[in-house]
Amino acid sequence: MPRGWPKWPRMGWYREAAVKGTESWKTRSMLAARSKLVDLRRDLDNQMRGLCKGLGIVVGRAGSTNLARKVNAVLAESPDLQDIFAPLLLAQSCLTAQIEEF
Protein backbone atom coordinates (compact mmCIF):
# COMPACT_ATOMS: atom_id res chain seq x y z
CA MET A 1 0.00 0.00 0.00
CA PRO A 2 1.44 3.43 -0.92
CA ARG A 3 2.70 5.64 1.81
CA GLY A 4 0.13 7.97 3.30
CA TRP A 5 -2.91 5.84 2.53
CA PRO A 6 -5.22 4.95 5.39
CA LYS A 7 -5.07 1.36 6.52
CA TRP A 8 -8.84 0.91 6.57
CA PRO A 9 -10.94 0.26 3.43
CA ARG A 10 -12.76 3.22 1.99
CA MET A 11 -16.53 3.15 2.14
CA GLY A 12 -19.01 4.60 -0.36
CA TRP A 13 -16.91 4.18 -3.49
CA TYR A 14 -19.63 2.37 -5.37
CA ARG A 15 -23.20 3.29 -6.15
CA GLU A 16 -26.03 0.93 -6.76
CA ALA A 17 -26.67 0.42 -10.47
CA ALA A 18 -30.15 -0.13 -11.83
CA VAL A 19 -30.38 -3.17 -14.10
CA LYS A 20 -32.68 -2.72 -17.06
CA GLY A 21 -35.30 -5.32 -17.80
CA THR A 22 -34.95 -8.02 -20.41
CA GLU A 23 -37.75 -6.56 -22.52
CA SER A 24 -36.08 -3.14 -22.57
CA TRP A 25 -32.77 -4.72 -23.59
CA LYS A 26 -34.47 -6.70 -26.36
CA THR A 27 -36.24 -3.62 -27.73
CA ARG A 28 -33.04 -1.55 -27.77
CA SER A 29 -31.12 -4.39 -29.43
CA MET A 30 -33.74 -4.75 -32.15
CA LEU A 31 -33.69 -1.00 -32.81
CA ALA A 32 -29.89 -1.03 -33.01
CA ALA A 33 -29.93 -3.99 -35.42
CA ARG A 34 -32.53 -2.33 -37.65
CA SER A 35 -30.58 0.91 -37.62
CA LYS A 36 -27.47 -0.94 -38.76
CA LEU A 37 -29.38 -2.57 -41.63
CA VAL A 38 -30.74 0.82 -42.71
CA ASP A 39 -27.20 2.25 -42.66
CA LEU A 40 -25.92 -0.65 -44.78
CA ARG A 41 -28.71 -0.20 -47.32
CA ARG A 42 -28.01 3.53 -47.54
CA ASP A 43 -24.32 2.79 -48.13
CA LEU A 44 -25.24 0.38 -50.94
CA ASP A 45 -27.59 2.95 -52.48
CA ASN A 46 -24.86 5.57 -52.40
CA GLN A 47 -22.36 3.12 -53.91
CA MET A 48 -24.72 2.43 -56.81
CA ARG A 49 -25.32 6.16 -57.31
CA GLY A 50 -21.58 6.78 -57.39
CA LEU A 51 -21.01 4.01 -59.92
CA CYS A 52 -23.77 5.38 -62.13
CA LYS A 53 -22.39 8.90 -61.84
CA GLY A 54 -18.95 7.62 -62.86
CA LEU A 55 -20.55 6.18 -65.98
CA GLY A 56 -22.22 9.50 -66.76
CA ILE A 57 -25.69 8.42 -65.64
CA VAL A 58 -27.36 10.67 -63.08
CA VAL A 59 -30.05 8.75 -61.23
CA GLY A 60 -31.44 11.73 -59.35
CA ARG A 61 -33.41 11.64 -56.16
CA ALA A 62 -35.05 8.32 -55.47
CA GLY A 63 -35.80 6.03 -52.57
CA SER A 64 -34.37 2.53 -52.46
CA THR A 65 -37.16 0.98 -54.52
CA ASN A 66 -37.11 3.72 -57.15
CA LEU A 67 -33.32 3.56 -57.27
CA ALA A 68 -33.49 -0.16 -57.99
CA ARG A 69 -35.95 0.50 -60.83
CA LYS A 70 -33.74 3.21 -62.30
CA VAL A 71 -30.63 1.02 -62.08
CA ASN A 72 -32.54 -1.84 -63.72
CA ALA A 73 -33.50 0.55 -66.53
CA VAL A 74 -29.82 1.41 -66.95
CA LEU A 75 -28.98 -2.31 -67.03
CA ALA A 76 -31.57 -2.90 -69.74
CA GLU A 77 -29.73 -0.37 -71.92
CA SER A 78 -26.23 -1.61 -70.98
CA PRO A 79 -26.21 -5.35 -70.19
CA ASP A 80 -22.40 -5.29 -69.87
CA LEU A 81 -22.86 -3.51 -66.52
CA GLN A 82 -24.84 -6.46 -65.16
CA ASP A 83 -21.72 -7.96 -63.52
CA ILE A 84 -21.22 -4.78 -61.50
CA PHE A 85 -24.75 -3.96 -60.43
CA ALA A 86 -26.42 -7.37 -60.04
CA PRO A 87 -24.74 -8.27 -56.70
CA LEU A 88 -25.41 -4.79 -55.32
CA LEU A 89 -29.08 -4.95 -56.30
CA LEU A 90 -29.42 -8.41 -54.76
CA ALA A 91 -27.84 -7.26 -51.49
CA GLN A 92 -30.05 -4.18 -51.45
CA SER A 93 -33.23 -6.21 -51.94
CA CYS A 94 -32.22 -8.64 -49.17
CA LEU A 95 -31.51 -5.75 -46.80
CA THR A 96 -34.84 -4.13 -47.67
CA ALA A 97 -36.69 -7.38 -46.93
CA GLN A 98 -34.95 -7.73 -43.55
CA ILE A 99 -35.67 -4.10 -42.64
CA GLU A 100 -39.35 -4.65 -43.40
CA GLU A 101 -39.35 -7.69 -41.06
CA PHE A 102 -38.18 -5.49 -38.19
C-alpha atoms as a PDB file:
ATOM      1  CA  MET A   1       0.000   0.000   0.000  1.00  0.00           C
ATOM      2  CA  PRO A   2       1.437   3.431  -0.923  1.00  0.00           C
ATOM      3  CA  ARG A   3       2.697   5.640   1.812  1.00  0.00           C
ATOM      4  CA  GLY A   4       0.132   7.969   3.305  1.00  0.00           C
ATOM      5  CA  TRP A   5      -2.906   5.843   2.530  1.00  0.00           C
ATOM      6  CA  PRO A   6      -5.215   4.950   5.388  1.00  0.00           C
ATOM      7  CA  LYS A   7      -5.066   1.364   6.517  1.00  0.00           C
ATOM      8  CA  TRP A   8      -8.837   0.906   6.566  1.00  0.00           C
ATOM      9  CA  PRO A   9     -10.937   0.257   3.430  1.00  0.00           C
ATOM     10  CA  ARG A  10     -12.761   3.223   1.988  1.00  0.00           C
ATOM     11  CA  MET A  11     -16.535   3.145   2.141  1.00  0.00           C
ATOM     12  CA  GLY A  12     -19.014   4.597  -0.355  1.00  0.00           C
ATOM     13  CA  TRP A  13     -16.913   4.180  -3.492  1.00  0.00           C
ATOM     14  CA  TYR A  14     -19.634   2.366  -5.369  1.00  0.00           C
ATOM     15  CA  ARG A  15     -23.205   3.294  -6.151  1.00  0.00           C
ATOM     16  CA  GLU A  16     -26.034   0.927  -6.758  1.00  0.00           C
ATOM     17  CA  ALA A  17     -26.670   0.418 -10.472  1.00  0.00           C
ATOM     18  CA  ALA A  18     -30.148  -0.131 -11.834  1.00  0.00           C
ATOM     19  CA  VAL A  19     -30.382  -3.167 -14.105  1.00  0.00           C
ATOM     20  CA  LYS A  20     -32.676  -2.717 -17.064  1.00  0.00           C
ATOM     21  CA  GLY A  21     -35.302  -5.323 -17.797  1.00  0.00           C
ATOM     22  CA  THR A  22     -34.947  -8.015 -20.412  1.00  0.00           C
ATOM     23  CA  GLU A  23     -37.749  -6.557 -22.525  1.00  0.00           C
ATOM     24  CA  SER A  24     -36.080  -3.138 -22.569  1.00  0.00           C
ATOM     25  CA  TRP A  25     -32.767  -4.718 -23.587  1.00  0.00           C
ATOM     26  CA  LYS A  26     -34.465  -6.697 -26.356  1.00  0.00           C
ATOM     27  CA  THR A  27     -36.235  -3.618 -27.732  1.00  0.00           C
ATOM     28  CA  ARG A  28     -33.038  -1.551 -27.767  1.00  0.00           C
ATOM     29  CA  SER A  29     -31.124  -4.388 -29.427  1.00  0.00           C
ATOM     30  CA  MET A  30     -33.739  -4.752 -32.150  1.00  0.00           C
ATOM     31  CA  LEU A  31     -33.689  -1.004 -32.811  1.00  0.00           C
ATOM     32  CA  ALA A  32     -29.894  -1.030 -33.006  1.00  0.00           C
ATOM     33  CA  ALA A  33     -29.932  -3.990 -35.419  1.00  0.00           C
ATOM     34  CA  ARG A  34     -32.529  -2.331 -37.654  1.00  0.00           C
ATOM     35  CA  SER A  35     -30.583   0.914 -37.620  1.00  0.00           C
ATOM     36  CA  LYS A  36     -27.469  -0.936 -38.760  1.00  0.00           C
ATOM     37  CA  LEU A  37     -29.376  -2.570 -41.628  1.00  0.00           C
ATOM     38  CA  VAL A  38     -30.740   0.816 -42.713  1.00  0.00           C
ATOM     39  CA  ASP A  39     -27.197   2.250 -42.660  1.00  0.00           C
ATOM     40  CA  LEU A  40     -25.920  -0.649 -44.776  1.00  0.00           C
ATOM     41  CA  ARG A  41     -28.712  -0.201 -47.317  1.00  0.00           C
ATOM     42  CA  ARG A  42     -28.014   3.530 -47.539  1.00  0.00           C
ATOM     43  CA  ASP A  43     -24.323   2.790 -48.129  1.00  0.00           C
ATOM     44  CA  LEU A  44     -25.242   0.385 -50.945  1.00  0.00           C
ATOM     45  CA  ASP A  45     -27.586   2.954 -52.478  1.00  0.00           C
ATOM     46  CA  ASN A  46     -24.855   5.571 -52.400  1.00  0.00           C
ATOM     47  CA  GLN A  47     -22.364   3.118 -53.913  1.00  0.00           C
ATOM     48  CA  MET A  48     -24.723   2.429 -56.813  1.00  0.00           C
ATOM     49  CA  ARG A  49     -25.322   6.160 -57.309  1.00  0.00           C
ATOM     50  CA  GLY A  50     -21.578   6.779 -57.389  1.00  0.00           C
ATOM     51  CA  LEU A  51     -21.012   4.008 -59.916  1.00  0.00           C
ATOM     52  CA  CYS A  52     -23.774   5.380 -62.131  1.00  0.00           C
ATOM     53  CA  LYS A  53     -22.386   8.895 -61.845  1.00  0.00           C
ATOM     54  CA  GLY A  54     -18.947   7.621 -62.862  1.00  0.00           C
ATOM     55  CA  LEU A  55     -20.548   6.184 -65.982  1.00  0.00           C
ATOM     56  CA  GLY A  56     -22.222   9.495 -66.764  1.00  0.00           C
ATOM     57  CA  ILE A  57     -25.690   8.422 -65.640  1.00  0.00           C
ATOM     58  CA  VAL A  58     -27.358  10.667 -63.081  1.00  0.00           C
ATOM     59  CA  VAL A  59     -30.055   8.751 -61.234  1.00  0.00           C
ATOM     60  CA  GLY A  60     -31.441  11.731 -59.350  1.00  0.00           C
ATOM     61  CA  ARG A  61     -33.406  11.640 -56.158  1.00  0.00           C
ATOM     62  CA  ALA A  62     -35.045   8.318 -55.474  1.00  0.00           C
ATOM     63  CA  GLY A  63     -35.797   6.030 -52.567  1.00  0.00           C
ATOM     64  CA  SER A  64     -34.371   2.532 -52.460  1.00  0.00           C
ATOM     65  CA  THR A  65     -37.160   0.976 -54.517  1.00  0.00           C
ATOM     66  CA  ASN A  66     -37.109   3.724 -57.149  1.00  0.00           C
ATOM     67  CA  LEU A  67     -33.320   3.563 -57.269  1.00  0.00           C
ATOM     68  CA  ALA A  68     -33.492  -0.163 -57.994  1.00  0.00           C
ATOM     69  CA  ARG A  69     -35.948   0.502 -60.828  1.00  0.00           C
ATOM     70  CA  LYS A  70     -33.741   3.207 -62.301  1.00  0.00           C
ATOM     71  CA  VAL A  71     -30.631   1.023 -62.082  1.00  0.00           C
ATOM     72  CA  ASN A  72     -32.541  -1.841 -63.719  1.00  0.00           C
ATOM     73  CA  ALA A  73     -33.501   0.554 -66.525  1.00  0.00           C
ATOM     74  CA  VAL A  74     -29.820   1.406 -66.947  1.00  0.00           C
ATOM     75  CA  LEU A  75     -28.977  -2.306 -67.027  1.00  0.00           C
ATOM     76  CA  ALA A  76     -31.570  -2.897 -69.735  1.00  0.00           C
ATOM     77  CA  GLU A  77     -29.726  -0.372 -71.915  1.00  0.00           C
ATOM     78  CA  SER A  78     -26.232  -1.613 -70.981  1.00  0.00           C
ATOM     79  CA  PRO A  79     -26.206  -5.346 -70.195  1.00  0.00           C
ATOM     80  CA  ASP A  80     -22.401  -5.295 -69.873  1.00  0.00           C
ATOM     81  CA  LEU A  81     -22.861  -3.509 -66.516  1.00  0.00           C
ATOM     82  CA  GLN A  82     -24.839  -6.463 -65.158  1.00  0.00           C
ATOM     83  CA  ASP A  83     -21.722  -7.956 -63.522  1.00  0.00           C
ATOM     84  CA  ILE A  84     -21.223  -4.783 -61.496  1.00  0.00           C
ATOM     85  CA  PHE A  85     -24.755  -3.962 -60.431  1.00  0.00           C
ATOM     86  CA  ALA A  86     -26.420  -7.370 -60.041  1.00  0.00           C
ATOM     87  CA  PRO A  87     -24.742  -8.268 -56.699  1.00  0.00           C
ATOM     88  CA  LEU A  88     -25.409  -4.790 -55.318  1.00  0.00           C
ATOM     89  CA  LEU A  89     -29.081  -4.950 -56.298  1.00  0.00           C
ATOM     90  CA  LEU A  90     -29.415  -8.413 -54.759  1.00  0.00           C
ATOM     91  CA  ALA A  91     -27.845  -7.264 -51.490  1.00  0.00           C
ATOM     92  CA  GLN A  92     -30.053  -4.178 -51.454  1.00  0.00           C
ATOM     93  CA  SER A  93     -33.231  -6.215 -51.944  1.00  0.00           C
ATOM     94  CA  CYS A  94     -32.219  -8.637 -49.170  1.00  0.00           C
ATOM     95  CA  LEU A  95     -31.509  -5.745 -46.800  1.00  0.00           C
ATOM     96  CA  THR A  96     -34.837  -4.132 -47.665  1.00  0.00           C
ATOM     97  CA  ALA A  97     -36.687  -7.385 -46.927  1.00  0.00           C
ATOM     98  CA  GLN A  98     -34.952  -7.728 -43.554  1.00  0.00           C
ATOM     99  CA  ILE A  99     -35.671  -4.104 -42.636  1.00  0.00           C
ATOM    100  CA  GLU A 100     -39.350  -4.654 -43.397  1.00  0.00           C
ATOM    101  CA  GLU A 101     -39.349  -7.690 -41.061  1.00  0.00           C
ATOM    102  CA  PHE A 102     -38.178  -5.489 -38.193  1.00  0.00           C
END
